[in-house]
N, C-alpha and C. Protein backbone atom coordinates (compact mmCIF):
# COMPACT_ATOMS: atom_id res chain seq x y z
N MET A 1 -29.75 -11.23 -14.77
CA MET A 1 -28.06 -11.76 -14.02
C MET A 1 -27.22 -10.46 -14.54
N THR A 2 -26.91 -9.99 -13.87
CA THR A 2 -25.70 -8.76 -14.23
C THR A 2 -24.41 -9.07 -13.89
N ARG A 3 -23.08 -9.32 -14.26
CA ARG A 3 -22.06 -9.35 -14.54
C ARG A 3 -21.11 -8.28 -13.97
N THR A 4 -20.39 -7.99 -12.76
CA THR A 4 -20.30 -6.81 -12.00
C THR A 4 -19.23 -6.94 -11.42
N PHE A 5 -18.73 -5.87 -11.58
CA PHE A 5 -17.57 -5.46 -10.73
C PHE A 5 -17.67 -4.10 -10.28
N ILE A 6 -16.41 -3.90 -9.25
CA ILE A 6 -16.46 -2.75 -8.65
C ILE A 6 -15.00 -2.01 -9.01
N ALA A 7 -15.13 -1.06 -10.04
CA ALA A 7 -13.93 -0.32 -9.98
C ALA A 7 -13.16 1.23 -10.28
N LEU A 8 -12.09 1.91 -10.68
CA LEU A 8 -11.80 3.07 -10.54
C LEU A 8 -11.73 3.01 -12.09
N GLU A 9 -12.74 4.31 -12.46
CA GLU A 9 -12.43 4.13 -14.20
C GLU A 9 -11.03 5.07 -14.59
N LEU A 10 -10.79 5.04 -15.93
CA LEU A 10 -10.01 5.71 -16.38
C LEU A 10 -10.40 6.86 -17.05
N ASP A 11 -9.82 8.29 -17.39
CA ASP A 11 -10.61 9.37 -17.98
C ASP A 11 -9.94 9.23 -19.12
N THR A 12 -9.82 10.06 -20.03
CA THR A 12 -9.72 9.91 -21.67
C THR A 12 -7.85 9.97 -22.06
N ALA A 13 -7.14 10.96 -20.77
CA ALA A 13 -6.15 11.18 -20.86
C ALA A 13 -5.16 9.95 -21.00
N GLN A 14 -5.56 9.51 -19.63
CA GLN A 14 -5.47 8.15 -19.26
C GLN A 14 -5.27 6.82 -20.40
N GLN A 15 -6.58 6.76 -20.60
CA GLN A 15 -6.43 5.62 -22.04
C GLN A 15 -5.67 6.31 -23.38
N ASN A 16 -5.18 7.43 -23.62
CA ASN A 16 -4.31 7.97 -24.72
C ASN A 16 -2.84 7.54 -24.49
N PHE A 17 -2.64 7.85 -22.81
CA PHE A 17 -1.38 7.01 -22.37
C PHE A 17 -1.38 5.72 -22.90
N LEU A 18 -2.26 5.15 -22.29
CA LEU A 18 -2.13 3.48 -22.65
C LEU A 18 -1.90 3.14 -23.80
N GLY A 19 -2.99 3.91 -24.55
CA GLY A 19 -2.74 3.61 -26.01
C GLY A 19 -2.06 3.73 -27.12
N ASN A 20 -1.01 4.67 -26.50
CA ASN A 20 0.28 4.57 -27.14
C ASN A 20 1.06 3.64 -26.68
N ILE A 21 1.14 3.10 -25.60
CA ILE A 21 2.10 2.10 -25.05
C ILE A 21 1.60 0.50 -25.47
N ILE A 22 0.32 0.50 -25.74
CA ILE A 22 -0.20 -0.51 -26.56
C ILE A 22 0.40 -0.44 -28.08
N ARG A 23 0.04 0.83 -28.87
CA ARG A 23 -0.11 0.67 -30.04
C ARG A 23 1.87 0.47 -30.09
N GLN A 24 2.71 1.07 -29.61
CA GLN A 24 4.28 0.65 -29.43
C GLN A 24 4.25 -1.29 -29.43
N GLY A 25 3.43 -1.28 -28.44
CA GLY A 25 3.64 -2.68 -27.91
C GLY A 25 3.24 -3.82 -29.47
N LYS A 26 2.14 -3.36 -30.07
CA LYS A 26 1.69 -3.62 -31.03
C LYS A 26 2.55 -4.28 -31.91
N LEU A 27 3.67 -3.47 -32.56
CA LEU A 27 4.39 -3.23 -33.36
C LEU A 27 5.04 -4.25 -33.41
N HIS A 28 6.07 -4.72 -31.98
CA HIS A 28 7.02 -5.50 -31.56
C HIS A 28 6.44 -6.54 -30.79
N LEU A 29 5.38 -7.21 -30.86
CA LEU A 29 4.60 -8.10 -30.17
C LEU A 29 3.01 -8.13 -31.09
N PRO A 30 2.86 -8.62 -31.76
CA PRO A 30 1.58 -8.54 -32.37
C PRO A 30 0.74 -9.34 -32.08
N ASP A 31 1.06 -10.69 -31.76
CA ASP A 31 0.72 -11.74 -31.29
C ASP A 31 0.11 -11.93 -29.80
N LEU A 32 0.44 -10.86 -29.15
CA LEU A 32 0.27 -10.92 -27.72
C LEU A 32 -1.58 -10.26 -27.87
N HIS A 33 -2.56 -10.33 -26.97
CA HIS A 33 -4.09 -9.93 -26.99
C HIS A 33 -3.88 -9.05 -26.58
N TRP A 34 -3.83 -7.92 -27.54
CA TRP A 34 -3.70 -6.51 -26.56
C TRP A 34 -5.28 -5.87 -26.37
N VAL A 35 -5.26 -5.62 -24.76
CA VAL A 35 -6.58 -4.88 -24.84
C VAL A 35 -6.91 -3.21 -25.38
N ASP A 36 -8.19 -3.48 -25.34
CA ASP A 36 -8.47 -1.68 -25.88
C ASP A 36 -8.83 -1.02 -24.80
N PRO A 37 -7.61 0.48 -25.09
CA PRO A 37 -7.55 1.23 -24.11
C PRO A 37 -8.87 1.60 -23.49
N THR A 38 -10.04 2.15 -24.33
CA THR A 38 -11.42 2.36 -23.44
C THR A 38 -11.70 1.29 -23.12
N GLY A 39 -11.31 0.18 -22.68
CA GLY A 39 -12.29 -0.80 -21.73
C GLY A 39 -11.40 -0.80 -20.65
N ILE A 40 -10.25 0.10 -20.40
CA ILE A 40 -8.91 0.00 -19.21
C ILE A 40 -9.42 0.44 -18.12
N HIS A 41 -9.75 -0.15 -16.74
CA HIS A 41 -10.13 0.22 -15.31
C HIS A 41 -9.38 -0.69 -14.33
N LEU A 42 -9.53 -0.01 -13.30
CA LEU A 42 -8.55 -0.49 -11.92
C LEU A 42 -9.46 -1.26 -11.21
N THR A 43 -9.57 -2.40 -11.48
CA THR A 43 -10.57 -3.47 -11.09
C THR A 43 -10.46 -3.49 -9.42
N LEU A 44 -11.53 -3.00 -8.44
CA LEU A 44 -10.83 -3.54 -7.25
C LEU A 44 -11.53 -5.00 -6.62
N ALA A 45 -12.57 -5.39 -7.07
CA ALA A 45 -13.70 -6.36 -7.06
C ALA A 45 -14.26 -6.80 -7.82
N PHE A 46 -14.16 -8.07 -8.09
CA PHE A 46 -14.90 -8.57 -9.19
C PHE A 46 -16.27 -9.62 -8.02
N LEU A 47 -17.07 -9.08 -8.87
CA LEU A 47 -18.04 -10.10 -7.99
C LEU A 47 -18.92 -11.47 -8.94
N GLY A 48 -18.61 -10.96 -10.19
CA GLY A 48 -19.58 -12.07 -11.11
C GLY A 48 -20.97 -11.97 -11.58
N GLU A 49 -21.63 -12.79 -12.05
CA GLU A 49 -23.01 -12.69 -12.05
C GLU A 49 -23.62 -12.17 -10.84
N LEU A 50 -24.62 -11.29 -10.69
CA LEU A 50 -25.49 -10.87 -9.88
C LEU A 50 -26.95 -10.55 -9.83
N ASN A 51 -27.67 -11.08 -8.91
CA ASN A 51 -29.34 -10.69 -9.01
C ASN A 51 -29.17 -9.18 -9.02
N ASP A 52 -31.06 -8.63 -9.10
CA ASP A 52 -30.82 -7.45 -8.84
C ASP A 52 -30.67 -6.76 -7.25
N GLU A 53 -30.98 -8.17 -6.42
CA GLU A 53 -30.96 -7.70 -5.20
C GLU A 53 -29.70 -7.33 -4.73
N GLU A 54 -28.35 -8.51 -5.56
CA GLU A 54 -27.28 -8.38 -4.85
C GLU A 54 -26.39 -7.33 -5.75
N VAL A 55 -26.76 -6.75 -6.66
CA VAL A 55 -26.40 -5.53 -7.36
C VAL A 55 -26.70 -4.25 -6.40
N VAL A 56 -28.08 -4.20 -5.56
CA VAL A 56 -28.39 -3.07 -4.91
C VAL A 56 -27.27 -3.47 -3.56
N LYS A 57 -27.02 -4.59 -3.26
CA LYS A 57 -25.99 -4.58 -1.94
C LYS A 57 -24.32 -4.52 -2.38
N ALA A 58 -24.10 -4.81 -3.89
CA ALA A 58 -22.72 -4.47 -4.13
C ALA A 58 -22.26 -2.74 -4.48
N ILE A 59 -24.05 -2.13 -5.00
CA ILE A 59 -23.81 -0.35 -4.80
C ILE A 59 -23.81 0.01 -3.28
N ALA A 60 -24.21 -0.36 -2.14
CA ALA A 60 -24.44 0.44 -1.09
C ALA A 60 -23.15 -0.39 -0.33
N ALA A 61 -22.27 -1.38 -1.15
CA ALA A 61 -20.92 -1.31 -0.21
C ALA A 61 -19.69 -0.37 -0.70
N ALA A 62 -19.98 -0.29 -2.69
CA ALA A 62 -19.48 0.99 -2.78
C ALA A 62 -19.85 1.94 -2.01
N GLN A 63 -20.36 2.29 -1.98
CA GLN A 63 -21.06 3.60 -1.16
C GLN A 63 -20.39 4.13 0.05
N TYR A 64 -20.41 2.76 0.57
CA TYR A 64 -19.54 2.86 2.04
C TYR A 64 -18.44 3.03 1.67
N ALA A 65 -17.70 2.11 1.20
CA ALA A 65 -16.05 2.47 0.71
C ALA A 65 -15.22 3.73 0.28
N ALA A 66 -16.49 4.02 -0.60
CA ALA A 66 -16.22 5.88 -1.10
C ALA A 66 -16.20 7.02 0.23
N THR A 67 -16.63 6.50 1.10
CA THR A 67 -16.51 7.56 2.18
C THR A 67 -15.53 6.99 2.84
N SER A 68 -14.72 6.20 2.66
CA SER A 68 -13.97 5.86 3.41
C SER A 68 -12.40 7.30 3.02
N VAL A 69 -12.41 7.37 2.21
CA VAL A 69 -11.55 8.55 1.85
C VAL A 69 -11.90 9.60 0.93
N ASN A 70 -11.34 10.78 1.22
CA ASN A 70 -11.52 11.61 -0.10
C ASN A 70 -10.96 11.91 -1.55
N PRO A 71 -11.55 12.28 -2.54
CA PRO A 71 -10.81 12.21 -3.65
C PRO A 71 -9.26 11.90 -3.58
N PHE A 72 -8.23 11.29 -4.21
CA PHE A 72 -6.78 11.56 -4.71
C PHE A 72 -6.41 11.26 -5.94
N ALA A 73 -5.36 11.00 -5.91
CA ALA A 73 -3.99 10.85 -7.11
C ALA A 73 -3.59 10.00 -7.10
N TYR A 74 -2.86 9.50 -8.49
CA TYR A 74 -2.29 8.22 -8.36
C TYR A 74 -1.78 8.77 -9.78
N ARG A 75 -0.53 7.88 -9.86
CA ARG A 75 0.41 7.44 -11.46
C ARG A 75 0.56 6.13 -11.82
N LEU A 76 0.41 5.94 -13.13
CA LEU A 76 0.76 4.74 -14.03
C LEU A 76 1.92 4.53 -13.99
N SER A 77 2.53 3.42 -12.83
CA SER A 77 3.76 3.56 -13.10
C SER A 77 4.87 2.25 -13.58
N GLY A 78 5.07 2.37 -15.36
CA GLY A 78 6.17 0.72 -15.25
C GLY A 78 5.01 0.02 -15.69
N LEU A 79 6.11 -0.75 -16.70
CA LEU A 79 5.54 -1.90 -17.21
C LEU A 79 5.73 -3.40 -16.34
N GLY A 80 5.12 -4.07 -16.28
CA GLY A 80 5.19 -5.47 -15.37
C GLY A 80 4.58 -6.67 -16.28
N THR A 81 5.40 -8.00 -15.87
CA THR A 81 3.92 -9.26 -16.12
C THR A 81 3.94 -10.31 -14.72
N PHE A 82 2.75 -10.57 -14.99
CA PHE A 82 2.46 -11.89 -14.15
C PHE A 82 2.87 -13.28 -14.91
N GLY A 83 3.49 -14.78 -14.04
CA GLY A 83 3.39 -15.35 -14.57
C GLY A 83 5.23 -15.65 -14.46
N GLN A 84 5.68 -16.54 -15.14
CA GLN A 84 6.87 -16.93 -15.32
C GLN A 84 7.72 -16.00 -15.92
N PRO A 85 9.08 -15.14 -15.65
CA PRO A 85 9.55 -14.29 -16.55
C PRO A 85 9.78 -14.79 -17.70
N ARG A 86 9.91 -15.94 -18.25
CA ARG A 86 10.38 -16.68 -19.80
C ARG A 86 9.18 -16.92 -20.31
N GLN A 87 7.83 -17.24 -19.50
CA GLN A 87 6.18 -17.49 -19.98
C GLN A 87 5.50 -16.53 -19.39
N PRO A 88 5.29 -15.53 -19.16
CA PRO A 88 4.51 -14.51 -18.82
C PRO A 88 2.98 -14.74 -19.15
N ARG A 89 1.89 -14.43 -18.55
CA ARG A 89 0.59 -14.42 -18.69
C ARG A 89 -0.10 -13.15 -19.27
N VAL A 90 0.45 -12.37 -18.37
CA VAL A 90 -0.17 -10.75 -18.37
C VAL A 90 0.63 -9.79 -18.56
N LEU A 91 0.70 -8.96 -19.18
CA LEU A 91 1.34 -7.34 -19.54
C LEU A 91 0.46 -6.58 -19.04
N TRP A 92 1.30 -5.66 -17.72
CA TRP A 92 0.68 -4.77 -16.91
C TRP A 92 0.94 -3.43 -16.42
N MET A 93 0.58 -2.59 -16.24
CA MET A 93 1.14 -0.85 -16.26
C MET A 93 0.51 -1.14 -14.39
N GLY A 94 1.93 -0.60 -13.94
CA GLY A 94 1.51 -0.79 -12.41
C GLY A 94 1.19 0.99 -12.13
N VAL A 95 0.42 0.41 -10.61
CA VAL A 95 -0.11 2.14 -10.31
C VAL A 95 0.61 2.04 -8.90
N SER A 96 0.65 3.40 -8.56
CA SER A 96 1.51 4.30 -8.00
C SER A 96 0.38 5.25 -7.00
N GLU A 97 0.42 5.00 -5.78
CA GLU A 97 -0.74 6.32 -5.19
C GLU A 97 0.32 6.16 -3.44
N ALA A 98 0.52 7.45 -3.83
CA ALA A 98 1.15 8.32 -2.44
C ALA A 98 0.53 7.96 -1.10
N SER A 99 -0.62 9.07 -0.85
CA SER A 99 -1.60 8.80 0.38
C SER A 99 -1.81 7.70 0.98
N GLY A 100 -1.79 6.12 0.46
CA GLY A 100 -2.82 5.29 0.92
C GLY A 100 -4.15 5.00 0.84
N SER A 101 -4.70 6.08 -0.17
CA SER A 101 -5.88 6.05 -0.04
C SER A 101 -6.58 5.36 -0.94
N LEU A 102 -5.73 4.41 -1.79
CA LEU A 102 -6.11 3.24 -2.97
C LEU A 102 -6.63 2.08 -1.64
N GLU A 103 -5.21 1.97 -1.16
CA GLU A 103 -5.28 0.95 -0.16
C GLU A 103 -6.51 0.94 0.92
N ILE A 104 -6.41 2.01 1.29
CA ILE A 104 -7.82 2.08 2.50
C ILE A 104 -8.96 1.89 1.45
N VAL A 105 -9.16 2.57 0.45
CA VAL A 105 -10.72 2.17 -0.32
C VAL A 105 -10.75 1.10 -0.34
N TYR A 106 -9.57 0.14 -0.69
CA TYR A 106 -9.73 -1.24 -0.94
C TYR A 106 -10.34 -1.79 -0.29
N GLN A 107 -9.51 -1.87 1.23
CA GLN A 107 -9.75 -2.46 2.42
C GLN A 107 -10.92 -2.48 2.96
N ALA A 108 -11.47 -1.32 2.94
CA ALA A 108 -12.89 -0.54 2.84
C ALA A 108 -14.15 -1.60 2.26
N LEU A 109 -13.77 -1.93 0.90
CA LEU A 109 -14.47 -2.44 -0.13
C LEU A 109 -14.55 -3.67 0.02
N ASN A 110 -13.47 -4.05 0.69
CA ASN A 110 -13.43 -5.62 1.12
C ASN A 110 -14.33 -5.96 2.41
N LEU A 111 -14.29 -5.01 3.08
CA LEU A 111 -15.08 -5.23 4.78
C LEU A 111 -16.18 -4.80 4.51
N ALA A 112 -17.06 -4.45 3.30
CA ALA A 112 -18.10 -3.97 3.27
C ALA A 112 -18.72 -4.87 2.38
N LEU A 113 -17.66 -5.51 1.41
CA LEU A 113 -18.74 -7.05 0.92
C LEU A 113 -18.59 -8.17 1.79
N GLU A 114 -17.87 -8.50 2.24
CA GLU A 114 -17.92 -9.45 3.31
C GLU A 114 -19.01 -9.23 4.04
N GLN A 115 -19.39 -8.11 4.77
CA GLN A 115 -20.33 -7.90 5.73
C GLN A 115 -21.97 -8.17 4.77
N ARG A 116 -22.01 -7.93 3.28
CA ARG A 116 -23.22 -8.42 2.59
C ARG A 116 -22.91 -9.90 1.83
N ASN A 117 -22.17 -10.62 2.38
CA ASN A 117 -21.58 -12.10 2.12
C ASN A 117 -21.32 -12.06 0.90
N PHE A 118 -20.78 -11.49 -0.13
CA PHE A 118 -19.72 -11.35 -1.08
C PHE A 118 -18.63 -12.17 -0.47
N ALA A 119 -17.90 -12.97 -1.65
CA ALA A 119 -16.79 -13.30 -1.59
C ALA A 119 -15.81 -12.65 -2.24
N THR A 120 -14.56 -12.29 -1.04
CA THR A 120 -13.27 -11.25 -1.87
C THR A 120 -12.24 -12.10 -2.07
N ASP A 121 -11.13 -11.58 -2.73
CA ASP A 121 -10.05 -11.95 -3.34
C ASP A 121 -8.90 -11.88 -1.92
N LYS A 122 -8.63 -13.28 -1.31
CA LYS A 122 -7.52 -13.24 -0.04
C LYS A 122 -6.24 -12.92 -0.65
N ARG A 123 -5.90 -12.52 -1.90
CA ARG A 123 -4.00 -12.36 -2.30
C ARG A 123 -3.73 -10.79 -1.91
N PRO A 124 -2.86 -10.64 -1.74
CA PRO A 124 -2.38 -9.54 -1.59
C PRO A 124 -2.90 -8.47 -2.73
N PHE A 125 -3.05 -6.98 -2.24
CA PHE A 125 -3.67 -6.00 -3.22
C PHE A 125 -2.67 -5.56 -3.88
N SER A 126 -2.57 -5.80 -5.38
CA SER A 126 -1.73 -5.33 -6.17
C SER A 126 -2.25 -4.48 -7.38
N PRO A 127 -2.57 -3.19 -6.97
CA PRO A 127 -3.38 -2.44 -8.41
C PRO A 127 -2.48 -2.31 -9.32
N HIS A 128 -2.90 -2.81 -10.64
CA HIS A 128 -2.61 -2.47 -11.78
C HIS A 128 -3.32 -2.97 -13.15
N LEU A 129 -3.42 -2.51 -14.29
CA LEU A 129 -3.84 -2.04 -15.64
C LEU A 129 -3.52 -2.99 -16.32
N THR A 130 -4.11 -4.50 -16.93
CA THR A 130 -4.00 -5.16 -17.86
C THR A 130 -3.92 -4.74 -19.35
N LEU A 131 -2.54 -5.42 -19.71
CA LEU A 131 -2.62 -4.26 -21.28
C LEU A 131 -2.52 -5.22 -22.21
N ALA A 132 -2.46 -6.86 -21.96
CA ALA A 132 -2.65 -7.22 -23.10
C ALA A 132 -2.51 -9.20 -22.17
N ARG A 133 -2.89 -9.75 -22.97
CA ARG A 133 -2.89 -11.08 -21.98
C ARG A 133 -1.86 -12.10 -23.20
N ILE A 134 -1.30 -13.07 -22.85
CA ILE A 134 -0.52 -14.10 -23.29
C ILE A 134 -0.94 -15.32 -23.48
N LYS A 135 -1.37 -15.53 -24.61
CA LYS A 135 -2.29 -16.92 -24.66
C LYS A 135 -1.09 -17.92 -24.70
N SER A 136 -0.12 -17.90 -25.33
CA SER A 136 0.75 -19.11 -26.02
C SER A 136 2.18 -18.75 -25.00
N TYR A 137 3.10 -19.87 -25.57
CA TYR A 137 4.53 -19.45 -25.61
C TYR A 137 4.84 -18.29 -26.29
N LEU A 138 6.28 -17.96 -25.73
CA LEU A 138 6.54 -16.66 -26.43
C LEU A 138 8.55 -17.34 -26.88
N ASN A 139 8.35 -17.54 -28.30
CA ASN A 139 9.78 -17.66 -28.66
C ASN A 139 10.93 -16.57 -28.01
N PRO A 140 11.79 -16.93 -28.25
CA PRO A 140 13.16 -16.05 -27.95
C PRO A 140 13.35 -14.66 -28.47
N THR A 141 12.86 -14.44 -29.84
CA THR A 141 12.78 -13.02 -30.26
C THR A 141 11.84 -12.33 -30.03
N GLN A 142 10.46 -12.70 -29.10
CA GLN A 142 9.64 -12.36 -28.68
C GLN A 142 9.54 -12.08 -27.26
N ILE A 143 10.72 -12.80 -26.34
CA ILE A 143 10.95 -12.77 -25.08
C ILE A 143 11.43 -11.32 -25.22
N HIS A 144 12.51 -10.77 -25.88
CA HIS A 144 13.52 -10.02 -25.79
C HIS A 144 13.07 -9.25 -26.30
N ALA A 145 12.06 -8.75 -26.93
CA ALA A 145 11.12 -7.58 -27.68
C ALA A 145 10.29 -7.15 -26.18
N LEU A 146 9.51 -8.49 -25.67
CA LEU A 146 8.94 -7.97 -24.45
C LEU A 146 10.31 -7.22 -23.00
N GLN A 147 10.97 -7.93 -22.97
CA GLN A 147 12.35 -7.36 -22.10
C GLN A 147 12.45 -5.84 -22.69
N GLN A 148 12.78 -5.87 -23.83
CA GLN A 148 12.81 -4.15 -24.18
C GLN A 148 11.81 -3.20 -23.85
N LEU A 149 10.47 -3.62 -24.14
CA LEU A 149 8.99 -3.18 -23.92
C LEU A 149 9.01 -2.65 -22.14
N LEU A 150 9.20 -3.45 -21.55
CA LEU A 150 9.49 -3.23 -20.50
C LEU A 150 10.16 -2.55 -19.58
N SER A 151 11.70 -2.66 -20.19
CA SER A 151 12.58 -1.51 -19.58
C SER A 151 12.68 0.00 -20.40
N HIS A 152 11.58 0.17 -21.80
CA HIS A 152 11.33 1.19 -21.91
C HIS A 152 10.37 2.29 -21.13
N TYR A 153 9.72 1.57 -20.59
CA TYR A 153 8.48 1.99 -19.86
C TYR A 153 8.02 1.86 -18.31
N GLN A 154 9.61 2.29 -18.15
CA GLN A 154 9.70 2.35 -16.48
C GLN A 154 10.21 3.54 -15.61
N PHE A 155 9.00 4.41 -16.05
CA PHE A 155 8.63 5.50 -15.30
C PHE A 155 7.41 5.92 -14.94
N ALA A 156 6.77 6.94 -14.22
CA ALA A 156 5.71 7.44 -14.06
C ALA A 156 4.76 8.36 -14.87
N SER A 157 3.71 7.60 -15.06
CA SER A 157 2.83 9.02 -15.81
C SER A 157 2.49 10.41 -15.07
N PRO A 158 2.12 11.38 -15.51
CA PRO A 158 1.44 12.37 -15.14
C PRO A 158 0.47 12.18 -13.91
N THR A 159 0.18 12.89 -12.67
CA THR A 159 -0.53 12.14 -11.90
C THR A 159 -2.32 12.49 -12.02
N TYR A 160 -3.08 11.43 -11.84
CA TYR A 160 -4.49 11.72 -12.35
C TYR A 160 -5.36 11.77 -11.00
N LYS A 161 -6.25 12.76 -10.95
CA LYS A 161 -7.35 12.64 -9.81
C LYS A 161 -8.20 11.78 -10.44
N VAL A 162 -9.08 10.81 -8.94
CA VAL A 162 -10.14 10.03 -9.04
C VAL A 162 -10.71 11.23 -7.89
N THR A 163 -12.34 10.65 -8.23
CA THR A 163 -13.37 11.14 -7.98
C THR A 163 -14.42 10.25 -7.11
N HIS A 164 -14.34 8.92 -7.44
CA HIS A 164 -15.60 8.63 -7.73
C HIS A 164 -15.36 6.86 -7.40
N LEU A 165 -15.91 6.05 -7.02
CA LEU A 165 -15.92 4.57 -7.46
C LEU A 165 -16.77 4.27 -8.19
N SER A 166 -16.56 2.73 -9.08
CA SER A 166 -17.73 2.66 -9.85
C SER A 166 -17.71 1.36 -9.57
N VAL A 167 -19.67 1.07 -9.61
CA VAL A 167 -20.24 -0.10 -10.00
C VAL A 167 -20.28 -0.34 -11.14
N MET A 168 -19.74 -1.48 -11.85
CA MET A 168 -19.71 -1.57 -13.32
C MET A 168 -20.35 -2.78 -13.63
N LYS A 169 -21.22 -2.87 -15.26
CA LYS A 169 -21.65 -3.63 -15.42
C LYS A 169 -20.86 -4.28 -16.76
N SER A 170 -21.04 -5.39 -16.84
CA SER A 170 -19.84 -6.03 -17.81
C SER A 170 -20.70 -6.79 -18.80
N GLU A 171 -20.52 -6.55 -20.22
CA GLU A 171 -21.17 -7.57 -21.05
C GLU A 171 -20.64 -8.07 -22.07
N LEU A 172 -20.18 -9.38 -22.15
CA LEU A 172 -19.65 -10.25 -23.16
C LEU A 172 -20.19 -9.94 -24.44
N ALA A 173 -19.22 -9.62 -25.15
CA ALA A 173 -19.83 -9.73 -26.77
C ALA A 173 -18.56 -10.13 -28.13
N ARG A 174 -18.94 -10.48 -29.02
CA ARG A 174 -18.54 -10.85 -29.69
C ARG A 174 -17.23 -9.64 -30.44
N GLY A 175 -17.25 -8.38 -30.11
CA GLY A 175 -15.96 -7.74 -30.33
C GLY A 175 -15.30 -7.09 -29.37
N GLY A 176 -15.61 -8.09 -28.19
CA GLY A 176 -14.87 -7.84 -26.87
C GLY A 176 -15.88 -7.09 -25.95
N ALA A 177 -15.52 -7.02 -24.79
CA ALA A 177 -16.64 -6.61 -23.38
C ALA A 177 -16.56 -5.15 -23.96
N ARG A 178 -18.37 -4.97 -23.28
CA ARG A 178 -18.91 -3.41 -23.63
C ARG A 178 -18.86 -3.38 -21.33
N TYR A 179 -19.00 -2.14 -20.89
CA TYR A 179 -18.64 -1.94 -19.92
C TYR A 179 -19.36 -0.66 -19.73
N THR A 180 -20.81 -0.46 -18.63
CA THR A 180 -21.39 0.41 -18.68
C THR A 180 -21.42 0.76 -16.74
N CYS A 181 -21.17 1.80 -16.67
CA CYS A 181 -21.27 2.44 -15.14
C CYS A 181 -22.72 2.44 -14.44
N LEU A 182 -23.12 1.07 -13.45
CA LEU A 182 -24.38 1.09 -12.88
C LEU A 182 -24.17 2.52 -11.92
N GLN A 183 -23.36 2.84 -10.95
CA GLN A 183 -23.62 3.85 -10.07
C GLN A 183 -22.13 4.21 -9.88
N ALA A 184 -21.82 5.45 -9.82
CA ALA A 184 -21.03 6.21 -9.27
C ALA A 184 -21.25 6.35 -8.18
N CYS A 185 -19.80 6.06 -7.28
CA CYS A 185 -20.00 6.35 -6.24
C CYS A 185 -18.95 7.39 -5.29
N ALA A 186 -19.27 8.76 -4.98
CA ALA A 186 -18.06 9.67 -5.39
C ALA A 186 -17.74 9.55 -3.79
N PHE A 187 -16.07 9.74 -3.96
CA PHE A 187 -15.41 9.53 -2.58
C PHE A 187 -15.58 11.00 -2.06
N GLY A 188 -15.22 10.72 -0.36
CA GLY A 188 -15.35 12.34 0.53
C GLY A 188 -15.94 11.50 1.48
N LYS A 189 -15.30 11.30 2.67
CA LYS A 189 -15.20 11.50 4.18
C LYS A 189 -16.70 11.66 4.69
N GLU A 190 -17.49 11.40 5.18
CA GLU A 190 -18.61 11.96 6.20
C GLU A 190 -18.55 12.25 7.39
């Protein structure tokens, strides 16, 4: 069984950009569970534990979805949280993309996965990159530090070009998850 998801991988420049934000965040909010920037990716579908036949079907779905758009660019655009404003669960970096290609590939991927009998997420698509998880209640000082961090990073990054969709393997380990690309599916309309 292979723990599988489909995502856009980040390049070194994006990882460095997010790593700088994470380092600043750790200074002011050391109790948050900050992620390793080298493991951050933009997940489009989490499929869970798959057997070999299901992995082949997931790759076929990703290849189909990749043909729905040409390579495109996006920006990292501001921090936000999921959960209650006073007790958030996740700190994330937003993703903005003007051409609509990200939404198109997401919809095409969901359709291809459903056609291959995979369950898909029915919530509205909210592209984001998780930077930290918040496991316990924040005290007033921490909430203030979080609000300062959120307001400080309300700008867009340089643009990043994305050329492929990746079918990824996730292995949970003591030192954190390890990710391996099983198949890179190049963007490009047929």
